[in-house]
Amino acid sequence: MFYTPKKVSKLQILTHSFQFFDILLIQIIIMIKKLLNLLVQPKVSNYVDAKTWIQKILLEEKYGKINS
């Protein structure tokens, strides 16, 4: 008994290839979107830090020097 591979049509192979590359492309797009979101995302910590300094300066103007 010899093993004989099942005959697969070229259309079936192409169909599976299209599915594979379609899924691969979608995954790549998702990965690029996540990377761009990380790079372009505003720095929340800088905003909070600046807000704190502005509040401190305004309080110093109103009440004088604050020891902290």
C-alpha atoms as a PDB file:
ATOM      1  CA  MET A   1       0.000   0.000   0.000  1.00  0.00           C
ATOM      2  CA  PHE A   2       1.345   3.307  -1.052  1.00  0.00           C
ATOM      3  CA  TYR A   3       0.176   6.635   0.185  1.00  0.00           C
ATOM      4  CA  THR A   4      -1.358   8.682  -2.561  1.00  0.00           C
ATOM      5  CA  PRO A   5      -2.038  12.300  -1.742  1.00  0.00           C
ATOM      6  CA  LYS A   6      -5.512  13.560  -2.259  1.00  0.00           C
ATOM      7  CA  LYS A   7      -5.851  15.654  -5.364  1.00  0.00           C
ATOM      8  CA  VAL A   8      -6.652  19.215  -4.510  1.00  0.00           C
ATOM      9  CA  SER A   9      -7.697  21.651  -7.129  1.00  0.00           C
ATOM     10  CA  LYS A  10      -5.779  24.864  -7.640  1.00  0.00           C
ATOM     11  CA  LEU A  11      -8.938  26.819  -6.927  1.00  0.00           C
ATOM     12  CA  GLN A  12      -9.160  25.301  -3.435  1.00  0.00           C
ATOM     13  CA  ILE A  13      -5.556  26.234  -2.710  1.00  0.00           C
ATOM     14  CA  LEU A  14      -6.122  29.773  -3.940  1.00  0.00           C
ATOM     15  CA  THR A  15      -9.276  30.105  -1.857  1.00  0.00           C
ATOM     16  CA  HIS A  16      -7.430  29.037   1.282  1.00  0.00           C
ATOM     17  CA  SER A  17      -4.540  31.352   0.433  1.00  0.00           C
ATOM     18  CA  PHE A  18      -6.901  34.296   0.048  1.00  0.00           C
ATOM     19  CA  GLN A  19      -8.465  33.536   3.422  1.00  0.00           C
ATOM     20  CA  PHE A  20      -5.059  33.250   5.082  1.00  0.00           C
ATOM     21  CA  PHE A  21      -3.717  36.477   3.627  1.00  0.00           C
ATOM     22  CA  ASP A  22      -6.958  38.304   4.339  1.00  0.00           C
ATOM     23  CA  ILE A  23      -6.784  37.332   8.021  1.00  0.00           C
ATOM     24  CA  LEU A  24      -3.070  38.145   8.092  1.00  0.00           C
ATOM     25  CA  LEU A  25      -3.694  41.593   6.611  1.00  0.00           C
ATOM     26  CA  ILE A  26      -6.422  42.313   9.165  1.00  0.00           C
ATOM     27  CA  GLN A  27      -4.090  41.325  12.012  1.00  0.00           C
ATOM     28  CA  ILE A  28      -1.326  43.551  10.642  1.00  0.00           C
ATOM     29  CA  ILE A  29      -3.726  46.501  10.371  1.00  0.00           C
ATOM     30  CA  ILE A  30      -4.879  45.977  13.965  1.00  0.00           C
ATOM     31  CA  MET A  31      -1.257  45.851  15.149  1.00  0.00           C
ATOM     32  CA  ILE A  32      -0.384  49.065  13.278  1.00  0.00           C
ATOM     33  CA  LYS A  33      -3.430  50.822  14.764  1.00  0.00           C
ATOM     34  CA  LYS A  34      -2.363  49.803  18.285  1.00  0.00           C
ATOM     35  CA  LEU A  35       1.190  51.016  17.685  1.00  0.00           C
ATOM     36  CA  LEU A  36      -0.041  54.343  16.318  1.00  0.00           C
ATOM     37  CA  ASN A  37      -2.359  54.774  19.296  1.00  0.00           C
ATOM     38  CA  LEU A  38       0.586  54.245  21.647  1.00  0.00           C
ATOM     39  CA  LEU A  39       2.769  56.717  19.780  1.00  0.00           C
ATOM     40  CA  VAL A  40       0.152  59.421  19.217  1.00  0.00           C
ATOM     41  CA  GLN A  41      -1.683  59.066  22.530  1.00  0.00           C
ATOM     42  CA  PRO A  42      -1.609  62.305  24.549  1.00  0.00           C
ATOM     43  CA  LYS A  43       0.433  62.248  27.728  1.00  0.00           C
ATOM     44  CA  VAL A  44      -2.125  62.348  30.524  1.00  0.00           C
ATOM     45  CA  SER A  45       0.526  62.539  33.239  1.00  0.00           C
ATOM     46  CA  ASN A  46       2.007  65.757  31.776  1.00  0.00           C
ATOM     47  CA  TYR A  47      -1.439  67.335  31.684  1.00  0.00           C
ATOM     48  CA  VAL A  48      -2.113  66.448  35.335  1.00  0.00           C
ATOM     49  CA  ASP A  49       1.347  67.686  36.353  1.00  0.00           C
ATOM     50  CA  ALA A  50       0.839  71.013  34.556  1.00  0.00           C
ATOM     51  CA  LYS A  51      -2.607  71.391  36.107  1.00  0.00           C
ATOM     52  CA  THR A  52      -1.129  70.888  39.590  1.00  0.00           C
ATOM     53  CA  TRP A  53       1.575  73.506  38.995  1.00  0.00           C
ATOM     54  CA  ILE A  54      -0.947  76.036  37.695  1.00  0.00           C
ATOM     55  CA  GLN A  55      -3.164  75.503  40.745  1.00  0.00           C
ATOM     56  CA  LYS A  56      -0.152  75.917  43.039  1.00  0.00           C
ATOM     57  CA  ILE A  57       0.877  79.184  41.340  1.00  0.00           C
ATOM     58  CA  LEU A  58      -2.662  80.574  41.537  1.00  0.00           C
ATOM     59  CA  LEU A  59      -2.905  79.673  45.234  1.00  0.00           C
ATOM     60  CA  GLU A  60       0.468  81.320  45.916  1.00  0.00           C
ATOM     61  CA  GLU A  61      -0.741  84.506  44.198  1.00  0.00           C
ATOM     62  CA  LYS A  62      -3.907  84.534  46.255  1.00  0.00           C
ATOM     63  CA  TYR A  63      -2.620  83.368  49.674  1.00  0.00           C
ATOM     64  CA  GLY A  64       1.154  83.914  49.555  1.00  0.00           C
ATOM     65  CA  LYS A  65       3.946  81.319  49.702  1.00  0.00           C
ATOM     66  CA  ILE A  66       2.824  77.749  50.502  1.00  0.00           C
ATOM     67  CA  ASN A  67       5.286  75.377  52.162  1.00  0.00           C
ATOM     68  CA  SER A  68       5.148  72.009  50.430  1.00  0.00           C
END
